[in-house]
Amino acid sequence: MANLTTPYGVLSFANLFTPRPRAEGKDPDFNCSIIFDEQQQKSPAYKALKAAHDDAARAKWGDKLDLKTVRSAFHDAGEKTYDGYHPGHVYISPWSKNKPGIVDAQKQPVLLPDEVWSGQLVRLNVTPFAWLHSGKKGVSFGLNHVQIVKSDGMQRLDGRPSIGSVFDEVEGDSGAPF
């Protein structure tokens, strides 16, 4: 199976420190979504991701497979009403039973949940796999690792303001009441 690094995208619905079920009655897992804008959809990394996705389906069901009969891991973000999901953007939602490794842009481990939030610019390391469930064929991505590329200047998708945007710097006495 191919082990790929995605193009740059915006992190969304990040459940990377505590496993949570993706749907009611399902087993908990580590999961997230990554949103790709139009520019990233033209990148070599995105094209390789799409090719590996299709290859996983053909490896399981043969070269003559009509890919239109397979549930794709790529979804139209314009069909969602969530913050950060816009027409023309595409998202995938990889998952894993095992906690993914998380690093920053300098490949230093990120160990605190507060340092990971929806809206950051990230890359993911994923593995495509084909599945058959209740007679339906599909391809999904397994989540291996996450790299947080940029946080500063990125808009949080949860509506929470960044700490730097809500406080002014305080110098000396500055009129504080105590």
C-alpha atoms as a PDB file:
ATOM      1  CA  MET A   1       0.000   0.000   0.000  1.00  0.00           C
ATOM      2  CA  ALA A   2       1.085   3.531  -0.736  1.00  0.00           C
ATOM      3  CA  ASN A   3       2.186   5.712   2.145  1.00  0.00           C
ATOM      4  CA  LEU A   4       1.669   9.340   1.028  1.00  0.00           C
ATOM      5  CA  THR A   5       2.009  12.866   2.303  1.00  0.00           C
ATOM      6  CA  THR A   6      -0.922  15.073   1.366  1.00  0.00           C
ATOM      7  CA  PRO A   7      -0.594  18.528  -0.096  1.00  0.00           C
ATOM      8  CA  TYR A   8      -1.058  21.449   2.280  1.00  0.00           C
ATOM      9  CA  GLY A   9      -4.577  21.801   3.605  1.00  0.00           C
ATOM     10  CA  VAL A  10      -6.643  23.214   6.451  1.00  0.00           C
ATOM     11  CA  LEU A  11      -7.195  20.957   9.452  1.00  0.00           C
ATOM     12  CA  SER A  12     -10.805  20.433  10.504  1.00  0.00           C
ATOM     13  CA  PHE A  13     -12.621  18.323  13.108  1.00  0.00           C
ATOM     14  CA  ALA A  14      -9.322  17.287  14.696  1.00  0.00           C
ATOM     15  CA  ASN A  15      -9.731  14.335  17.081  1.00  0.00           C
ATOM     16  CA  LEU A  16      -6.050  13.506  17.348  1.00  0.00           C
ATOM     17  CA  PHE A  17      -5.398  13.119  21.084  1.00  0.00           C
ATOM     18  CA  THR A  18      -8.537  11.337  22.278  1.00  0.00           C
ATOM     19  CA  PRO A  19     -10.305   8.767  20.099  1.00  0.00           C
ATOM     20  CA  ARG A  20     -13.949   9.515  19.362  1.00  0.00           C
ATOM     21  CA  PRO A  21     -16.552   7.633  17.356  1.00  0.00           C
ATOM     22  CA  ARG A  22     -17.185   9.114  13.904  1.00  0.00           C
ATOM     23  CA  ALA A  23     -20.847   8.106  14.176  1.00  0.00           C
ATOM     24  CA  GLU A  24     -23.202   6.907  16.891  1.00  0.00           C
ATOM     25  CA  GLY A  25     -22.630   3.260  17.731  1.00  0.00           C
ATOM     26  CA  LYS A  26     -19.209   3.135  16.030  1.00  0.00           C
ATOM     27  CA  ASP A  27     -15.928   2.313  17.734  1.00  0.00           C
ATOM     28  CA  PRO A  28     -13.836   5.349  18.705  1.00  0.00           C
ATOM     29  CA  ASP A  29     -10.839   6.247  16.582  1.00  0.00           C
ATOM     30  CA  PHE A  30      -8.449   9.117  15.923  1.00  0.00           C
ATOM     31  CA  ASN A  31      -9.639  11.180  12.978  1.00  0.00           C
ATOM     32  CA  CYS A  32      -9.704  14.552  11.282  1.00  0.00           C
ATOM     33  CA  SER A  33     -10.513  16.195   7.987  1.00  0.00           C
ATOM     34  CA  ILE A  34      -8.182  18.138   5.732  1.00  0.00           C
ATOM     35  CA  ILE A  35      -9.553  20.681   3.251  1.00  0.00           C
ATOM     36  CA  PHE A  36      -7.746  21.317  -0.032  1.00  0.00           C
ATOM     37  CA  ASP A  37      -8.296  24.581  -1.916  1.00  0.00           C
ATOM     38  CA  GLU A  38      -8.229  24.846  -5.721  1.00  0.00           C
ATOM     39  CA  GLN A  39      -4.487  25.611  -5.814  1.00  0.00           C
ATOM     40  CA  GLN A  40      -3.556  22.496  -3.813  1.00  0.00           C
ATOM     41  CA  GLN A  41      -5.833  20.378  -6.014  1.00  0.00           C
ATOM     42  CA  LYS A  42      -3.468  21.190  -8.903  1.00  0.00           C
ATOM     43  CA  SER A  43      -0.347  20.115  -6.977  1.00  0.00           C
ATOM     44  CA  PRO A  44       1.655  16.957  -7.734  1.00  0.00           C
ATOM     45  CA  ALA A  45       1.001  15.737  -4.165  1.00  0.00           C
ATOM     46  CA  TYR A  46      -2.782  15.950  -4.694  1.00  0.00           C
ATOM     47  CA  LYS A  47      -2.567  14.165  -8.048  1.00  0.00           C
ATOM     48  CA  ALA A  48      -0.487  11.405  -6.416  1.00  0.00           C
ATOM     49  CA  LEU A  49      -3.081  11.125  -3.637  1.00  0.00           C
ATOM     50  CA  LYS A  50      -5.892  10.728  -6.186  1.00  0.00           C
ATOM     51  CA  ALA A  51      -3.896   8.176  -8.185  1.00  0.00           C
ATOM     52  CA  ALA A  52      -3.108   6.109  -5.059  1.00  0.00           C
ATOM     53  CA  HIS A  53      -6.798   6.263  -4.100  1.00  0.00           C
ATOM     54  CA  ASP A  54      -7.837   4.870  -7.497  1.00  0.00           C
ATOM     55  CA  ASP A  55      -5.001   2.305  -7.455  1.00  0.00           C
ATOM     56  CA  ALA A  56      -6.214   0.974  -4.080  1.00  0.00           C
ATOM     57  CA  ALA A  57      -9.680   0.359  -5.578  1.00  0.00           C
ATOM     58  CA  ARG A  58      -8.290  -1.335  -8.689  1.00  0.00           C
ATOM     59  CA  ALA A  59      -5.909  -3.474  -6.620  1.00  0.00           C
ATOM     60  CA  LYS A  60      -8.880  -4.829  -4.675  1.00  0.00           C
ATOM     61  CA  TRP A  61     -11.476  -5.174  -7.456  1.00  0.00           C
ATOM     62  CA  GLY A  62      -9.487  -5.345 -10.705  1.00  0.00           C
ATOM     63  CA  ASP A  63      -8.360  -3.025 -13.483  1.00  0.00           C
ATOM     64  CA  LYS A  64     -11.744  -3.051 -15.220  1.00  0.00           C
ATOM     65  CA  LEU A  65     -13.481  -1.539 -12.198  1.00  0.00           C
ATOM     66  CA  ASP A  66     -15.750   1.420 -12.966  1.00  0.00           C
ATOM     67  CA  LEU A  67     -14.607   3.925 -10.336  1.00  0.00           C
ATOM     68  CA  LYS A  68     -18.065   5.537 -10.411  1.00  0.00           C
ATOM     69  CA  THR A  69     -19.328   2.470  -8.508  1.00  0.00           C
ATOM     70  CA  VAL A  70     -16.904   3.094  -5.625  1.00  0.00           C
ATOM     71  CA  ARG A  71     -17.529   5.504  -2.750  1.00  0.00           C
ATOM     72  CA  SER A  72     -14.749   8.030  -2.946  1.00  0.00           C
ATOM     73  CA  ALA A  73     -12.744   9.353  -0.003  1.00  0.00           C
ATOM     74  CA  PHE A  74     -12.759  12.782  -1.709  1.00  0.00           C
ATOM     75  CA  HIS A  75     -15.755  14.968  -0.845  1.00  0.00           C
ATOM     76  CA  ASP A  76     -17.058  18.309  -2.124  1.00  0.00           C
ATOM     77  CA  ALA A  77     -16.547  20.843   0.664  1.00  0.00           C
ATOM     78  CA  GLY A  78     -19.111  23.158  -0.958  1.00  0.00           C
ATOM     79  CA  GLU A  79     -21.858  20.747   0.091  1.00  0.00           C
ATOM     80  CA  LYS A  80     -21.148  21.486   3.773  1.00  0.00           C
ATOM     81  CA  THR A  81     -22.139  24.562   5.766  1.00  0.00           C
ATOM     82  CA  TYR A  82     -19.226  24.380   8.222  1.00  0.00           C
ATOM     83  CA  ASP A  83     -16.737  27.240   8.630  1.00  0.00           C
ATOM     84  CA  GLY A  84     -13.830  26.787   6.216  1.00  0.00           C
ATOM     85  CA  TYR A  85     -15.734  24.551   3.787  1.00  0.00           C
ATOM     86  CA  HIS A  86     -16.153  26.442   0.494  1.00  0.00           C
ATOM     87  CA  PRO A  87     -17.321  25.656  -3.048  1.00  0.00           C
ATOM     88  CA  GLY A  88     -14.439  24.383  -5.146  1.00  0.00           C
ATOM     89  CA  HIS A  89     -12.636  22.939  -2.122  1.00  0.00           C
ATOM     90  CA  VAL A  90     -12.311  19.198  -1.498  1.00  0.00           C
ATOM     91  CA  TYR A  91     -11.775  17.335   1.775  1.00  0.00           C
ATOM     92  CA  ILE A  92     -10.820  13.878   2.970  1.00  0.00           C
ATOM     93  CA  SER A  93     -11.353  12.423   6.454  1.00  0.00           C
ATOM     94  CA  PRO A  94      -8.631   9.917   7.336  1.00  0.00           C
ATOM     95  CA  TRP A  95      -8.773   7.906  10.551  1.00  0.00           C
ATOM     96  CA  SER A  96      -6.850   5.360  12.609  1.00  0.00           C
ATOM     97  CA  LYS A  97      -7.316   3.098  15.612  1.00  0.00           C
ATOM     98  CA  ASN A  98      -3.802   4.180  16.692  1.00  0.00           C
ATOM     99  CA  LYS A  99      -2.843   7.694  17.816  1.00  0.00           C
ATOM    100  CA  PRO A 100      -1.080   9.514  14.977  1.00  0.00           C
ATOM    101  CA  GLY A 101       2.288  11.144  15.461  1.00  0.00           C
ATOM    102  CA  ILE A 102       2.037  14.939  15.477  1.00  0.00           C
ATOM    103  CA  VAL A 103       4.933  17.285  14.712  1.00  0.00           C
ATOM    104  CA  ASP A 104       5.396  20.983  13.976  1.00  0.00           C
ATOM    105  CA  ALA A 105       6.991  22.545  10.890  1.00  0.00           C
ATOM    106  CA  GLN A 106      10.478  21.779  12.277  1.00  0.00           C
ATOM    107  CA  LYS A 107       9.470  18.130  12.934  1.00  0.00           C
ATOM    108  CA  GLN A 108       9.431  18.637  16.717  1.00  0.00           C
ATOM    109  CA  PRO A 109       6.785  16.559  18.543  1.00  0.00           C
ATOM    110  CA  VAL A 110       3.539  18.318  19.470  1.00  0.00           C
ATOM    111  CA  LEU A 111       2.366  16.788  22.736  1.00  0.00           C
ATOM    112  CA  LEU A 112      -0.341  19.153  23.996  1.00  0.00           C
ATOM    113  CA  PRO A 113      -3.902  19.050  22.661  1.00  0.00           C
ATOM    114  CA  ASP A 114      -4.218  22.854  22.979  1.00  0.00           C
ATOM    115  CA  GLU A 115      -1.512  23.240  20.323  1.00  0.00           C
ATOM    116  CA  VAL A 116      -3.643  21.490  17.694  1.00  0.00           C
ATOM    117  CA  TRP A 117      -6.842  23.117  16.440  1.00  0.00           C
ATOM    118  CA  SER A 118      -9.101  23.251  13.411  1.00  0.00           C
ATOM    119  CA  GLY A 119      -7.979  25.957  11.028  1.00  0.00           C
ATOM    120  CA  GLN A 120      -4.230  25.250  11.090  1.00  0.00           C
ATOM    121  CA  LEU A 121      -2.316  24.630   7.861  1.00  0.00           C
ATOM    122  CA  VAL A 122      -1.215  20.988   7.903  1.00  0.00           C
ATOM    123  CA  ARG A 123       0.005  18.046   5.901  1.00  0.00           C
ATOM    124  CA  LEU A 124      -1.006  14.489   6.703  1.00  0.00           C
ATOM    125  CA  ASN A 125       0.703  11.191   6.057  1.00  0.00           C
ATOM    126  CA  VAL A 126      -1.975   8.737   4.938  1.00  0.00           C
ATOM    127  CA  THR A 127      -2.447   5.284   3.430  1.00  0.00           C
ATOM    128  CA  PRO A 128      -5.345   4.572   1.039  1.00  0.00           C
ATOM    129  CA  PHE A 129      -7.286   1.347   1.484  1.00  0.00           C
ATOM    130  CA  ALA A 130     -10.296  -0.196  -0.236  1.00  0.00           C
ATOM    131  CA  TRP A 131     -13.199  -1.583   1.753  1.00  0.00           C
ATOM    132  CA  LEU A 132     -16.417  -3.537   1.265  1.00  0.00           C
ATOM    133  CA  HIS A 133     -19.206  -3.102   3.807  1.00  0.00           C
ATOM    134  CA  SER A 134     -22.874  -4.092   3.485  1.00  0.00           C
ATOM    135  CA  GLY A 135     -22.390  -4.608  -0.240  1.00  0.00           C
ATOM    136  CA  LYS A 136     -20.948  -1.126  -0.774  1.00  0.00           C
ATOM    137  CA  LYS A 137     -17.450  -0.583  -2.149  1.00  0.00           C
ATOM    138  CA  GLY A 138     -15.315   2.350  -1.105  1.00  0.00           C
ATOM    139  CA  VAL A 139     -11.876   3.783  -0.526  1.00  0.00           C
ATOM    140  CA  SER A 140     -10.762   5.574   2.637  1.00  0.00           C
ATOM    141  CA  PHE A 141      -7.486   6.863   3.992  1.00  0.00           C
ATOM    142  CA  GLY A 142      -5.731   5.570   7.080  1.00  0.00           C
ATOM    143  CA  LEU A 143      -4.193   8.341   9.192  1.00  0.00           C
ATOM    144  CA  ASN A 144      -0.513   7.834  10.045  1.00  0.00           C
ATOM    145  CA  HIS A 145       0.902  11.226  11.054  1.00  0.00           C
ATOM    146  CA  VAL A 146       0.170  14.975  11.130  1.00  0.00           C
ATOM    147  CA  GLN A 147       2.513  17.896  10.512  1.00  0.00           C
ATOM    148  CA  ILE A 148       1.325  21.321  11.650  1.00  0.00           C
ATOM    149  CA  VAL A 149       2.878  23.687   9.131  1.00  0.00           C
ATOM    150  CA  LYS A 150       1.386  27.034  10.164  1.00  0.00           C
ATOM    151  CA  SER A 151      -0.720  28.321  13.049  1.00  0.00           C
ATOM    152  CA  ASP A 152       0.046  32.052  13.170  1.00  0.00           C
ATOM    153  CA  GLY A 153      -2.315  34.060  11.012  1.00  0.00           C
ATOM    154  CA  MET A 154      -4.633  31.112  10.404  1.00  0.00           C
ATOM    155  CA  GLN A 155      -8.339  31.530  11.194  1.00  0.00           C
ATOM    156  CA  ARG A 156      -9.685  29.075  13.751  1.00  0.00           C
ATOM    157  CA  LEU A 157     -12.667  27.137  12.426  1.00  0.00           C
ATOM    158  CA  ASP A 158     -14.203  26.716  15.873  1.00  0.00           C
ATOM    159  CA  GLY A 159     -14.943  30.442  16.182  1.00  0.00           C
ATOM    160  CA  ARG A 160     -12.591  30.877  19.139  1.00  0.00           C
ATOM    161  CA  PRO A 161     -10.297  33.911  18.755  1.00  0.00           C
ATOM    162  CA  SER A 162      -6.543  33.471  18.961  1.00  0.00           C
ATOM    163  CA  ILE A 163      -4.976  34.527  22.246  1.00  0.00           C
ATOM    164  CA  GLY A 164      -2.833  37.132  20.490  1.00  0.00           C
ATOM    165  CA  SER A 165      -5.891  38.851  19.064  1.00  0.00           C
ATOM    166  CA  VAL A 166      -7.763  39.368  22.341  1.00  0.00           C
ATOM    167  CA  PHE A 167      -5.116  40.937  24.610  1.00  0.00           C
ATOM    168  CA  ASP A 168      -2.902  43.986  24.325  1.00  0.00           C
ATOM    169  CA  GLU A 169       0.640  43.937  25.674  1.00  0.00           C
ATOM    170  CA  VAL A 170       0.889  45.280  29.220  1.00  0.00           C
ATOM    171  CA  GLU A 171       3.950  47.261  30.210  1.00  0.00           C
ATOM    172  CA  GLY A 172       4.909  48.242  33.761  1.00  0.00           C
ATOM    173  CA  ASP A 173       2.126  49.566  36.019  1.00  0.00           C
ATOM    174  CA  SER A 174      -0.141  50.503  33.061  1.00  0.00           C
ATOM    175  CA  GLY A 175      -3.003  51.468  35.349  1.00  0.00           C
ATOM    176  CA  ALA A 176      -3.754  47.966  36.650  1.00  0.00           C
ATOM    177  CA  PRO A 177      -5.944  48.251  39.827  1.00  0.00           C
ATOM    178  CA  PHE A 178      -3.531  46.291  42.072  1.00  0.00           C
END
